[in-house]
Amino acid sequence: MWKKCFMAKVAVLIFGAMLLGGTGLAGEYIIGAGDSVHVFVWGEPELTVPALVRPDGRISLPGAGEIMAEGLTPEALQKEIASRLSALVKKPMVTVSMVGIENSKVYIIGGGVVTGVYPLKQKTSLLHLLAGMDLARADLHGAHVMRDGARMDRDFDLLLRNGDLKQDLVLHHNDIIVFPALPEPYVYVVGAVNMPQALPYRDGMTVLDALLACGGFNKFAKKNDTVVVRREDGAEKRIPVHAQDLAEGRDLSQNVVLRRGDYIIAAESFF
């Protein structure tokens, strides 16, 4: 149910972004090195040819010579070719179509996502690319875009869950979308509880939530000696919890908010 609601919300965001025109989703493809185009000149079969965009960004055309195609849209390239051919052909009518798109790609790497190479066949925003992906186990807070060696920070969580289009950006060729590996996706409850187990972590999860999910303390528990063990900056941190005071409502400050990978140890009393 959550996933269906999430995907529906993203679909609305994309539609809204296209109406507003703020993300460039409806824009034309930008030609780059390695792409293949077909140039059609109406009524001039000898000038109608395929062309490969060379590594220097140029194409070679009969009658028009060398033309810088890289960085242009097909429409802009049509106008440039027509201008070049106007000395040979009266009011040339030129159409440029994309035959092979090899230049524009982005890369997704990291944890909780399917890594891979994704072609950009038109101007594409971050929201547009990620909308159909399963990101339930991805670190949306730590994710970022690398462009030409520079880190571009965007809050993916605000973008995808809250609809903050200020966090969107139009992707460029060779952008790398990085999802850091998530920490351990569980919290662990061990010791004097009725059902010791690993619990799937969720945002905002507390000690009391975890203890209730494990059936509460057993009869041997020394409740006020409960401890949360956490790895932080490579070191072990122990957080004492007076769980009996918490359970009886005397000290709600003991309801520690948990993090991924935390261990809750319920101490046992043997006397």
Protein backbone atom coordinates (compact mmCIF):
# COMPACT_ATOMS: atom_id res chain seq x y z
CA MET A 1 0.00 0.00 0.00
CA TRP A 2 2.80 2.44 0.89
CA LYS A 3 4.57 1.73 -2.36
CA LYS A 4 1.39 2.28 -4.44
CA CYS A 5 0.77 5.62 -2.70
CA PHE A 6 4.40 6.62 -3.14
CA MET A 7 4.39 5.83 -6.87
CA ALA A 8 1.08 7.67 -7.36
CA LYS A 9 2.51 10.73 -5.65
CA VAL A 10 5.64 10.64 -7.82
CA ALA A 11 3.49 10.38 -10.97
CA VAL A 12 1.60 13.51 -9.93
CA LEU A 13 4.88 15.31 -9.30
CA ILE A 14 6.20 14.46 -12.74
CA PHE A 15 3.01 15.61 -14.43
CA GLY A 16 3.10 18.84 -12.46
CA ALA A 17 6.74 19.41 -13.29
CA MET A 18 6.01 18.96 -17.00
CA LEU A 19 3.15 21.46 -16.85
CA LEU A 20 5.31 23.99 -15.06
CA GLY A 21 8.19 23.48 -17.42
CA GLY A 22 10.66 23.85 -14.56
CA THR A 23 12.60 20.64 -15.07
CA GLY A 24 13.07 20.58 -18.84
CA LEU A 25 11.41 17.19 -19.29
CA ALA A 26 9.76 18.18 -22.53
CA GLY A 27 12.98 19.58 -24.01
CA GLU A 28 14.73 18.13 -27.07
CA TYR A 29 17.67 15.81 -26.99
CA ILE A 30 21.14 17.36 -27.04
CA ILE A 31 23.42 15.77 -29.64
CA GLY A 32 26.79 14.50 -28.49
CA ALA A 33 29.89 12.70 -29.70
CA GLY A 34 29.18 9.10 -30.73
CA ASP A 35 25.59 9.77 -31.77
CA SER A 36 24.34 8.96 -35.27
CA VAL A 37 22.02 11.24 -37.21
CA HIS A 38 20.26 11.07 -40.56
CA VAL A 39 20.20 14.26 -42.60
CA PHE A 40 17.38 14.44 -45.15
CA VAL A 41 17.32 17.28 -47.68
CA TRP A 42 14.01 17.41 -49.53
CA GLY A 43 14.42 16.94 -53.30
CA GLU A 44 18.20 16.51 -52.99
CA PRO A 45 19.02 12.77 -52.70
CA GLU A 46 22.75 13.35 -53.12
CA LEU A 47 22.71 15.56 -49.99
CA THR A 48 20.64 13.08 -47.96
CA VAL A 49 23.09 11.06 -45.88
CA PRO A 50 23.68 9.42 -42.49
CA ALA A 51 26.37 11.01 -40.32
CA LEU A 52 28.29 9.98 -37.23
CA VAL A 53 29.19 12.62 -34.67
CA ARG A 54 32.95 12.24 -34.28
CA PRO A 55 34.83 12.53 -30.97
CA ASP A 56 35.56 16.17 -31.83
CA GLY A 57 31.80 16.78 -31.97
CA ARG A 58 31.68 17.43 -35.72
CA ILE A 59 29.94 15.80 -38.68
CA SER A 60 30.92 15.90 -42.36
CA LEU A 61 28.19 16.53 -44.92
CA PRO A 62 28.27 16.88 -48.69
CA GLY A 63 27.75 20.47 -49.70
CA ALA A 64 27.87 21.71 -46.10
CA GLY A 65 31.31 20.57 -45.04
CA GLU A 66 32.31 20.27 -41.38
CA ILE A 67 29.63 21.24 -38.87
CA MET A 68 29.83 21.25 -35.08
CA ALA A 69 26.87 19.11 -34.06
CA GLU A 70 27.73 18.43 -30.44
CA GLY A 71 25.70 20.55 -28.04
CA LEU A 72 22.93 21.24 -30.56
CA THR A 73 19.40 19.91 -30.65
CA PRO A 74 18.30 18.21 -33.90
CA GLU A 75 16.21 21.31 -34.68
CA ALA A 76 19.18 23.62 -34.20
CA LEU A 77 21.36 21.36 -36.37
CA GLN A 78 18.70 21.45 -39.11
CA LYS A 79 18.88 25.24 -39.16
CA GLU A 80 22.68 25.21 -39.29
CA ILE A 81 22.75 22.73 -42.18
CA ALA A 82 20.08 24.68 -44.06
CA SER A 83 22.12 27.84 -43.65
CA ARG A 84 25.22 26.12 -45.04
CA LEU A 85 23.31 24.63 -48.00
CA SER A 86 21.55 27.87 -48.96
CA ALA A 87 24.43 28.70 -51.30
CA LEU A 88 23.75 25.47 -53.26
CA VAL A 89 20.02 24.90 -52.86
CA LYS A 90 17.24 27.45 -52.99
CA LYS A 91 15.40 27.48 -49.66
CA PRO A 92 16.66 24.05 -48.59
CA MET A 93 14.28 22.01 -46.44
CA VAL A 94 16.31 19.93 -44.00
CA THR A 95 15.23 17.31 -41.49
CA VAL A 96 17.59 15.79 -38.93
CA SER A 97 16.53 12.62 -37.15
CA MET A 98 18.36 10.67 -34.47
CA VAL A 99 19.41 7.21 -35.62
CA GLY A 100 21.60 6.08 -32.72
CA ILE A 101 21.98 7.65 -29.30
CA GLU A 102 25.29 6.72 -27.71
CA ASN A 103 26.47 9.90 -26.08
CA SER A 104 24.11 10.73 -23.24
CA LYS A 105 24.24 8.35 -20.30
CA VAL A 106 24.09 8.62 -16.55
CA TYR A 107 25.27 6.08 -14.03
CA ILE A 108 23.61 4.90 -10.82
CA ILE A 109 25.79 3.22 -8.22
CA GLY A 110 25.63 2.36 -4.53
CA GLY A 111 23.49 0.46 -2.04
CA GLY A 112 19.81 -0.32 -2.07
CA VAL A 113 19.41 0.37 -5.80
CA VAL A 114 19.92 -1.48 -9.07
CA THR A 115 23.21 -0.12 -10.34
CA GLY A 116 23.63 0.45 -14.04
CA VAL A 117 23.97 2.77 -17.01
CA TYR A 118 20.89 4.69 -18.09
CA PRO A 119 20.60 6.40 -21.50
CA LEU A 120 19.20 9.92 -21.74
CA LYS A 121 17.14 10.15 -24.90
CA GLN A 122 15.80 13.59 -24.06
CA LYS A 123 16.42 16.19 -21.40
CA THR A 124 15.79 14.23 -18.23
CA SER A 125 15.58 15.37 -14.63
CA LEU A 126 16.53 13.51 -11.49
CA LEU A 127 12.85 13.06 -10.62
CA HIS A 128 12.04 11.76 -14.08
CA LEU A 129 14.81 9.15 -13.96
CA LEU A 130 14.19 7.88 -10.43
CA ALA A 131 10.40 7.84 -10.51
CA GLY A 132 10.01 4.24 -11.63
CA MET A 133 12.73 2.76 -9.45
CA ASP A 134 12.35 0.78 -6.25
CA LEU A 135 14.08 2.99 -3.68
CA ALA A 136 12.50 1.53 -0.56
CA ARG A 137 15.92 0.43 0.73
CA ALA A 138 17.95 3.31 -0.65
CA ASP A 139 19.55 6.05 1.44
CA LEU A 140 17.64 9.05 0.11
CA HIS A 141 19.21 11.42 2.64
CA GLY A 142 22.83 10.60 1.74
CA ALA A 143 22.34 10.28 -2.03
CA HIS A 144 23.95 12.87 -4.30
CA VAL A 145 25.00 13.57 -7.89
CA MET A 146 28.63 13.70 -9.03
CA ARG A 147 29.28 15.91 -12.06
CA ASP A 148 32.75 16.47 -13.51
CA GLY A 149 34.27 15.44 -10.18
CA ALA A 150 32.15 17.88 -8.15
CA ARG A 151 29.47 16.79 -5.69
CA MET A 152 25.99 18.25 -6.25
CA ASP A 153 23.90 17.81 -3.12
CA ARG A 154 20.16 17.39 -3.44
CA ASP A 155 17.78 16.07 -0.80
CA PHE A 156 16.33 13.06 -2.60
CA ASP A 157 13.93 12.44 0.28
CA LEU A 158 12.38 15.91 0.01
CA LEU A 159 12.18 15.52 -3.76
CA LEU A 160 10.57 12.09 -3.92
CA ARG A 161 8.50 11.97 -0.75
CA ASN A 162 7.56 15.63 -0.19
CA GLY A 163 7.46 16.89 -3.76
CA ASP A 164 10.04 19.66 -3.29
CA LEU A 165 10.93 20.42 -6.93
CA LYS A 166 13.68 22.79 -5.75
CA GLN A 167 15.68 19.60 -5.15
CA ASP A 168 15.34 18.50 -8.79
CA LEU A 169 17.95 19.09 -11.48
CA VAL A 170 18.37 18.33 -15.18
CA LEU A 171 20.86 15.51 -15.66
CA HIS A 172 23.92 15.82 -17.90
CA HIS A 173 25.92 13.25 -19.80
CA ASN A 174 28.25 11.28 -17.50
CA ASP A 175 26.49 12.34 -14.28
CA ILE A 176 26.89 9.74 -11.53
CA ILE A 177 24.02 9.30 -9.06
CA VAL A 178 25.47 7.88 -5.85
CA PHE A 179 23.47 6.08 -3.18
CA PRO A 180 25.67 5.37 -0.12
CA ALA A 181 25.27 1.92 1.35
CA LEU A 182 22.63 1.94 4.06
CA PRO A 183 23.66 0.93 7.56
CA GLU A 184 22.39 -2.37 8.92
CA PRO A 185 18.61 -2.38 8.19
CA TYR A 186 17.64 -3.98 11.51
CA VAL A 187 17.64 -3.34 15.22
CA TYR A 188 18.23 -6.28 17.51
CA VAL A 189 16.54 -7.04 20.82
CA VAL A 190 18.26 -9.66 22.97
CA GLY A 191 18.26 -10.81 26.58
CA ALA A 192 15.31 -10.95 28.97
CA VAL A 193 12.42 -10.36 26.55
CA ASN A 194 9.75 -12.83 25.54
CA MET A 195 10.69 -12.99 21.83
CA PRO A 196 14.30 -11.90 21.17
CA GLN A 197 14.64 -11.06 17.47
CA ALA A 198 15.92 -8.79 14.72
CA LEU A 199 13.33 -6.15 13.84
CA PRO A 200 13.21 -4.27 10.53
CA TYR A 201 14.23 -0.70 11.23
CA ARG A 202 11.85 2.18 10.46
CA ASP A 203 12.29 5.91 10.86
CA GLY A 204 11.34 7.15 14.33
CA MET A 205 11.49 3.69 15.92
CA THR A 206 12.01 3.84 19.71
CA VAL A 207 13.10 1.51 22.49
CA LEU A 208 9.49 1.11 23.61
CA ASP A 209 8.38 0.24 20.06
CA ALA A 210 11.04 -2.47 19.85
CA LEU A 211 10.28 -3.92 23.29
CA LEU A 212 6.56 -4.13 22.54
CA ALA A 213 7.28 -5.84 19.21
CA CYS A 214 9.24 -8.47 21.13
CA GLY A 215 6.41 -9.18 23.57
CA GLY A 216 7.84 -7.12 26.40
CA PHE A 217 10.16 -8.22 29.20
CA ASN A 218 10.08 -11.74 30.60
CA LYS A 219 9.88 -12.44 34.35
CA PHE A 220 13.66 -12.47 34.74
CA ALA A 221 14.22 -8.96 33.38
CA LYS A 222 16.00 -6.28 35.34
CA LYS A 223 14.15 -3.59 33.45
CA ASN A 224 15.98 -0.51 34.63
CA ASP A 225 19.29 -2.02 33.55
CA THR A 226 18.35 -2.13 29.86
CA VAL A 227 21.01 -0.75 27.54
CA VAL A 228 21.20 0.32 23.88
CA VAL A 229 24.52 -0.58 22.24
CA ARG A 230 25.38 1.53 19.19
CA ARG A 231 28.33 1.75 16.82
CA GLU A 232 29.19 5.39 16.26
CA ASP A 233 32.25 6.66 14.40
CA GLY A 234 33.88 3.26 14.69
CA ALA A 235 33.46 3.08 18.47
CA GLU A 236 30.92 1.30 20.66
CA LYS A 237 28.55 3.54 22.60
CA ARG A 238 26.34 2.23 25.43
CA ILE A 239 23.16 4.15 26.26
CA PRO A 240 21.54 3.14 29.58
CA VAL A 241 17.74 2.97 29.56
CA HIS A 242 15.57 2.86 32.68
CA ALA A 243 12.89 0.88 30.88
CA GLN A 244 10.74 0.27 33.95
CA ASP A 245 10.51 4.00 34.63
CA LEU A 246 9.64 4.45 30.95
CA ALA A 247 6.98 1.71 30.92
CA GLU A 248 5.34 3.15 34.03
CA GLY A 249 5.29 6.66 32.54
CA ARG A 250 7.64 8.19 35.13
CA ASP A 251 10.42 9.15 32.71
CA LEU A 252 9.55 9.38 29.02
CA SER A 253 13.04 10.71 28.26
CA GLN A 254 14.18 7.07 28.50
CA ASN A 255 12.40 6.28 25.22
CA VAL A 256 15.55 6.47 23.09
CA VAL A 257 15.06 6.91 19.35
CA LEU A 258 16.85 4.02 17.68
CA ARG A 259 19.22 3.89 14.74
CA ARG A 260 19.87 1.15 12.25
CA GLY A 261 22.06 -1.57 13.71
CA ASP A 262 21.32 -0.75 17.36
CA TYR A 263 21.22 -3.59 19.90
CA ILE A 264 18.81 -3.43 22.82
CA ILE A 265 20.06 -5.63 25.62
CA ALA A 266 17.52 -6.45 28.32
CA ALA A 267 19.51 -7.41 31.44
CA GLU A 268 18.51 -10.48 33.44
CA SER A 269 18.24 -10.63 37.22
CA PHE A 270 19.04 -13.98 38.82
CA PHE A 271 17.95 -13.05 42.33
